[in-house]
Amino acid sequence: MLEAWQAAVLGVVEGVTEYLPVSSTGHLILANALLGLDQPDAKPALDAYAVVIQGGAILAVVGLYWPRVLALVNGALGRDPAGRRLLVNLVVAFLPSALLGLAFEKRIDELLFRPVPVLLALAAGGVFMIALDRARARGTLSASRTIEQVDWRHALWIGALQCLALWPGTSRSMTTIAGGLLIGLRAREAAEFSFLLGLPTLGAACLWKLLRHHGEIAALGPGAVAIGVAVATVSAALAVRWLVGFLNSHGLAPFGWYRLGLTALLATSLWLGWVELS
């Protein structure tokens, strides 16, 4: 059973890193080790718990982007054409990773949730974001498109990139924000589309883990789940508000350098036996 303070720490880590392009996986590996929770017999429950408290991240986006969410609802009801177009785009972007994840969930865990693949994903993502930022600074990529100008082909491209996030250590936020920038979305708009795409993506993952691992999650204690979700909601809301302004001013490169530093820290911790991937 998780203690209240442990649940709160994991909630902060999940909430802050879920929408930042820095890999929540890498941070949760370190957090579990520092909390003394990285035991092989506890891994299934903790992995499921980490996904379930993503519900807090969902609530944060719903609260911060309520007008967009309301437009999506009205679009589904046929009352808002713009909301319906956005809803279709989100569904198109959601489907590739959902189908691929369902088909290869066990194989992904078996083959990729290992030290070398996770470290490679962290480092490659860092280099990619630094390179992308330099391309934008040179004017190679345009940045004039709005969310309203995104069509289903653009959405499918972002959804295809989101599939890369099935590789632990990659970061869903990184792939979807980068995908938005590559199709010409402004930084703020790319981040917003990424946040909204997180609603079906994270929601589906939460429900799937609850259905498959409800027994293990219950063993951690209902209080732990409630605390984790509540803390993740607040921390995710703060992270989202900060990220939008930071991206406009500084771009993705600082996150790329941060990921390279995290790669070095995680590699050292794994080598010295301070953390484990099992």
Protein backbone atom coordinates (compact mmCIF):
# COMPACT_ATOMS: atom_id res chain seq x y z
CA MET A 1 0.00 0.00 0.00
CA LEU A 2 1.29 3.45 -0.90
CA GLU A 3 1.67 5.99 1.87
CA ALA A 4 0.01 9.36 1.38
CA TRP A 5 3.28 11.24 0.90
CA GLN A 6 4.50 8.71 -1.67
CA ALA A 7 1.24 9.04 -3.60
CA ALA A 8 1.60 12.83 -3.52
CA VAL A 9 5.18 12.72 -4.83
CA LEU A 10 4.19 10.41 -7.70
CA GLY A 11 1.24 12.69 -8.43
CA VAL A 12 3.53 15.71 -8.73
CA VAL A 13 5.98 13.84 -10.97
CA GLU A 14 3.21 12.55 -13.23
CA GLY A 15 1.34 15.85 -13.39
CA VAL A 16 4.40 17.97 -14.16
CA THR A 17 6.00 15.63 -16.71
CA GLU A 18 2.90 14.40 -18.56
CA TYR A 19 2.54 17.48 -20.74
CA LEU A 20 6.17 18.59 -20.78
CA PRO A 21 8.24 17.00 -23.59
CA VAL A 22 10.68 15.41 -21.14
CA SER A 23 9.42 11.80 -20.75
CA SER A 24 7.29 10.97 -17.74
CA THR A 25 8.68 7.41 -17.92
CA GLY A 26 12.23 8.47 -17.13
CA HIS A 27 11.12 10.65 -14.24
CA LEU A 28 8.84 7.99 -12.76
CA ILE A 29 11.69 5.44 -12.90
CA LEU A 30 13.84 7.80 -10.84
CA ALA A 31 10.98 8.74 -8.51
CA ASN A 32 10.11 5.11 -7.77
CA ALA A 33 13.78 4.40 -7.01
CA LEU A 34 14.14 7.40 -4.69
CA LEU A 35 10.95 6.36 -2.88
CA GLY A 36 12.17 2.78 -2.54
CA LEU A 37 9.27 1.47 -4.63
CA ASP A 38 11.21 -0.06 -7.53
CA GLN A 39 10.68 -3.69 -6.52
CA PRO A 40 9.88 -6.27 -9.24
CA ASP A 41 6.76 -7.55 -7.45
CA ALA A 42 5.36 -4.01 -7.16
CA LYS A 43 6.03 -3.00 -10.78
CA PRO A 44 2.67 -4.04 -12.34
CA ALA A 45 0.69 -2.16 -9.71
CA LEU A 46 2.89 0.95 -9.88
CA ASP A 47 2.85 1.00 -13.67
CA ALA A 48 -0.94 0.81 -13.63
CA TYR A 49 -1.11 3.45 -10.89
CA ALA A 50 1.04 5.83 -12.94
CA VAL A 51 -1.42 5.54 -15.83
CA VAL A 52 -4.53 5.87 -13.66
CA ILE A 53 -3.39 9.09 -12.00
CA GLN A 54 -3.10 10.52 -15.50
CA GLY A 55 -6.78 11.17 -14.87
CA GLY A 56 -5.56 14.23 -13.00
CA ALA A 57 -3.78 15.45 -16.12
CA ILE A 58 -7.02 14.98 -18.07
CA LEU A 59 -8.97 17.03 -15.52
CA ALA A 60 -6.38 19.80 -15.74
CA VAL A 61 -6.79 20.15 -19.51
CA VAL A 62 -10.59 20.00 -19.26
CA GLY A 63 -10.50 22.83 -16.74
CA LEU A 64 -7.98 25.00 -18.58
CA TYR A 65 -9.46 24.48 -22.06
CA TRP A 66 -13.13 24.28 -21.13
CA PRO A 67 -14.32 26.39 -24.13
CA ARG A 68 -12.57 23.99 -26.53
CA VAL A 69 -13.97 20.97 -24.68
CA LEU A 70 -17.47 22.47 -24.84
CA ALA A 71 -17.01 23.04 -28.59
CA LEU A 72 -16.05 19.37 -28.96
CA VAL A 73 -19.21 18.30 -27.12
CA ASN A 74 -21.38 20.60 -29.23
CA GLY A 75 -19.61 19.33 -32.33
CA ALA A 76 -20.46 15.75 -31.40
CA LEU A 77 -24.08 16.86 -31.02
CA GLY A 78 -24.07 18.57 -34.43
CA ARG A 79 -24.34 22.08 -33.00
CA ASP A 80 -20.85 23.40 -33.78
CA PRO A 81 -19.21 22.76 -37.20
CA ALA A 82 -15.78 23.97 -36.03
CA GLY A 83 -16.04 21.79 -32.93
CA ARG A 84 -17.02 18.83 -35.11
CA ARG A 85 -13.97 19.33 -37.37
CA LEU A 86 -11.68 19.49 -34.35
CA LEU A 87 -13.31 16.38 -32.89
CA VAL A 88 -12.78 14.47 -36.14
CA ASN A 89 -9.14 15.56 -36.23
CA LEU A 90 -8.57 14.42 -32.66
CA VAL A 91 -10.13 11.04 -33.39
CA VAL A 92 -7.99 10.65 -36.51
CA ALA A 93 -4.86 11.55 -34.53
CA PHE A 94 -5.81 9.23 -31.67
CA LEU A 95 -6.50 6.07 -33.65
CA PRO A 96 -2.99 5.12 -34.91
CA SER A 97 -1.38 4.84 -31.47
CA ALA A 98 -4.52 3.30 -29.95
CA LEU A 99 -4.61 0.50 -32.52
CA LEU A 100 -0.86 -0.06 -32.45
CA GLY A 101 -0.78 -0.03 -28.66
CA LEU A 102 -3.56 -2.59 -28.37
CA ALA A 103 -1.89 -4.86 -30.91
CA PHE A 104 1.63 -4.75 -29.45
CA GLU A 105 1.25 -3.76 -25.78
CA LYS A 106 2.95 -6.88 -24.36
CA ARG A 107 5.71 -6.94 -26.96
CA ILE A 108 6.45 -3.26 -26.37
CA ASP A 109 6.82 -3.85 -22.62
CA GLU A 110 8.97 -6.94 -23.17
CA LEU A 111 11.29 -5.51 -25.82
CA LEU A 112 11.48 -1.78 -25.15
CA PHE A 113 11.07 -1.29 -21.40
CA ARG A 114 14.75 -2.02 -20.87
CA PRO A 115 17.70 0.24 -20.01
CA VAL A 116 19.22 0.63 -23.48
CA PRO A 117 15.95 1.31 -25.40
CA VAL A 118 14.70 3.79 -22.77
CA LEU A 119 18.02 5.66 -22.72
CA LEU A 120 18.16 5.72 -26.52
CA ALA A 121 14.64 7.16 -26.68
CA LEU A 122 15.47 9.85 -24.12
CA ALA A 123 18.67 10.89 -25.89
CA ALA A 124 17.24 10.71 -29.42
CA GLY A 125 14.28 12.84 -28.37
CA GLY A 126 16.63 15.44 -26.93
CA VAL A 127 18.73 15.64 -30.10
CA PHE A 128 15.59 15.77 -32.24
CA MET A 129 14.12 18.73 -30.34
CA ILE A 130 17.38 20.68 -30.48
CA ALA A 131 17.58 20.08 -34.25
CA LEU A 132 13.91 21.02 -34.72
CA ASP A 133 14.39 24.27 -32.83
CA ARG A 134 17.40 25.18 -34.98
CA ALA A 135 15.40 24.48 -38.14
CA ARG A 136 12.63 26.79 -36.92
CA ALA A 137 15.18 29.49 -36.01
CA ARG A 138 16.59 29.36 -39.56
CA GLY A 139 13.10 29.80 -40.96
CA THR A 140 13.07 26.33 -42.55
CA LEU A 141 9.69 25.63 -40.95
CA SER A 142 6.73 28.00 -41.17
CA ALA A 143 4.69 28.82 -38.10
CA SER A 144 1.46 30.37 -39.34
CA ARG A 145 -1.19 27.63 -39.16
CA THR A 146 -3.92 27.65 -36.51
CA ILE A 147 -5.85 24.72 -35.05
CA GLU A 148 -8.84 25.72 -37.18
CA GLN A 149 -6.71 25.20 -40.31
CA VAL A 150 -5.68 21.66 -39.38
CA ASP A 151 -7.30 19.01 -41.60
CA TRP A 152 -7.51 15.25 -41.26
CA ARG A 153 -4.21 14.70 -43.12
CA HIS A 154 -2.36 16.95 -40.70
CA ALA A 155 -4.05 15.16 -37.81
CA LEU A 156 -3.05 11.78 -39.21
CA TRP A 157 0.57 12.94 -39.40
CA ILE A 158 0.51 14.00 -35.74
CA GLY A 159 -1.16 10.71 -34.84
CA ALA A 160 1.50 8.76 -36.69
CA LEU A 161 4.22 10.57 -34.74
CA GLN A 162 2.35 9.88 -31.51
CA CYS A 163 2.91 6.16 -32.20
CA LEU A 164 6.59 6.76 -31.46
CA ALA A 165 5.58 7.56 -27.87
CA LEU A 166 4.69 3.89 -27.38
CA TRP A 167 8.48 3.47 -27.08
CA PRO A 168 9.13 4.15 -23.35
CA GLY A 169 11.22 7.26 -22.84
CA THR A 170 10.08 9.05 -25.99
CA SER A 171 7.32 11.32 -24.57
CA ARG A 172 3.84 11.66 -26.02
CA SER A 173 3.96 15.42 -25.59
CA MET A 174 7.24 15.69 -27.48
CA THR A 175 6.00 13.75 -30.50
CA THR A 176 2.65 15.54 -30.75
CA ILE A 177 4.03 19.06 -30.17
CA ALA A 178 6.81 18.36 -32.67
CA GLY A 179 4.23 17.00 -35.12
CA GLY A 180 2.24 20.20 -34.81
CA LEU A 181 5.32 22.35 -35.40
CA LEU A 182 6.27 20.28 -38.46
CA ILE A 183 2.89 20.98 -40.09
CA GLY A 184 3.31 24.69 -39.46
CA LEU A 185 1.32 25.23 -36.27
CA ARG A 186 2.44 28.06 -34.02
CA ALA A 187 4.06 26.89 -30.79
CA ARG A 188 1.02 27.80 -28.69
CA GLU A 189 -1.35 26.06 -31.12
CA ALA A 190 0.86 22.95 -31.35
CA ALA A 191 0.88 22.68 -27.57
CA GLU A 192 -2.90 23.15 -27.37
CA PHE A 193 -3.55 20.44 -29.96
CA SER A 194 -1.21 18.14 -28.01
CA PHE A 195 -3.08 18.84 -24.77
CA LEU A 196 -6.47 18.18 -26.38
CA LEU A 197 -5.20 15.00 -28.03
CA GLY A 198 -4.20 13.87 -24.56
CA LEU A 199 -7.88 13.71 -23.55
CA PRO A 200 -8.79 10.60 -25.62
CA THR A 201 -5.27 9.15 -25.48
CA LEU A 202 -4.78 9.36 -21.74
CA GLY A 203 -8.45 8.65 -21.06
CA ALA A 204 -8.36 5.41 -23.03
CA ALA A 205 -5.12 4.37 -21.30
CA CYS A 206 -6.63 5.06 -17.86
CA LEU A 207 -9.74 2.99 -18.56
CA TRP A 208 -7.69 0.15 -20.06
CA LYS A 209 -5.39 -0.05 -17.04
CA LEU A 210 -8.31 0.15 -14.63
CA LEU A 211 -10.04 -2.75 -16.36
CA ARG A 212 -6.91 -4.90 -16.53
CA HIS A 213 -5.28 -4.08 -13.19
CA HIS A 214 -8.08 -2.94 -10.87
CA GLY A 215 -7.06 -5.51 -8.26
CA GLU A 216 -3.44 -4.37 -8.07
CA ILE A 217 -4.47 -0.71 -8.03
CA ALA A 218 -6.99 -1.35 -5.25
CA ALA A 219 -4.23 -2.97 -3.20
CA LEU A 220 -2.35 0.33 -3.21
CA GLY A 221 -5.28 1.90 -1.38
CA PRO A 222 -8.18 4.11 -2.56
CA GLY A 223 -6.70 7.03 -0.65
CA ALA A 224 -3.47 6.75 -2.61
CA VAL A 225 -5.35 6.89 -5.91
CA ALA A 226 -7.40 9.91 -4.80
CA ILE A 227 -4.31 11.78 -3.59
CA GLY A 228 -2.37 10.94 -6.75
CA VAL A 229 -5.17 12.17 -9.03
CA ALA A 230 -5.74 15.35 -7.00
CA VAL A 231 -2.05 16.28 -6.88
CA ALA A 232 -1.57 15.38 -10.56
CA THR A 233 -4.49 17.67 -11.47
CA VAL A 234 -2.99 20.71 -9.76
CA SER A 235 0.59 20.08 -10.89
CA ALA A 236 -0.48 19.36 -14.49
CA ALA A 237 -2.52 22.59 -14.62
CA LEU A 238 0.48 24.61 -13.44
CA ALA A 239 2.80 22.82 -15.90
CA VAL A 240 0.46 23.43 -18.85
CA ARG A 241 0.09 27.14 -18.11
CA TRP A 242 3.85 27.51 -17.75
CA LEU A 243 4.70 25.44 -20.84
CA VAL A 244 2.69 27.55 -23.30
CA GLY A 245 4.51 30.72 -22.34
CA PHE A 246 7.89 29.01 -22.22
CA LEU A 247 7.52 27.50 -25.69
CA ASN A 248 6.68 30.88 -27.18
CA SER A 249 9.75 32.47 -25.62
CA HIS A 250 12.36 29.70 -25.66
CA GLY A 251 11.21 26.90 -27.97
CA LEU A 252 11.95 23.20 -27.55
CA ALA A 253 15.76 23.25 -27.35
CA PRO A 254 15.96 23.70 -23.53
CA PHE A 255 13.87 20.56 -23.11
CA GLY A 256 16.20 18.77 -25.52
CA TRP A 257 19.25 19.66 -23.43
CA TYR A 258 17.36 18.70 -20.29
CA ARG A 259 16.58 15.28 -21.77
CA LEU A 260 20.25 14.72 -22.56
CA GLY A 261 21.09 15.53 -18.93
CA LEU A 262 18.34 13.18 -17.73
CA THR A 263 19.75 10.46 -19.99
CA ALA A 264 23.17 10.83 -18.37
CA LEU A 265 21.66 10.79 -14.87
CA LEU A 266 19.49 7.76 -15.56
CA ALA A 267 22.34 5.88 -17.26
CA THR A 268 24.61 6.51 -14.29
CA SER A 269 21.89 5.44 -11.85
CA LEU A 270 21.26 2.22 -13.77
CA TRP A 271 24.99 1.45 -14.04
CA LEU A 272 25.54 1.98 -10.31
CA GLY A 273 22.45 -0.03 -9.43
CA TRP A 274 20.57 2.85 -7.87
CA VAL A 275 17.53 2.17 -10.08
CA GLU A 276 16.26 -0.86 -11.93
CA LEU A 277 14.16 -1.56 -15.00
CA SER A 278 12.38 -4.88 -14.59
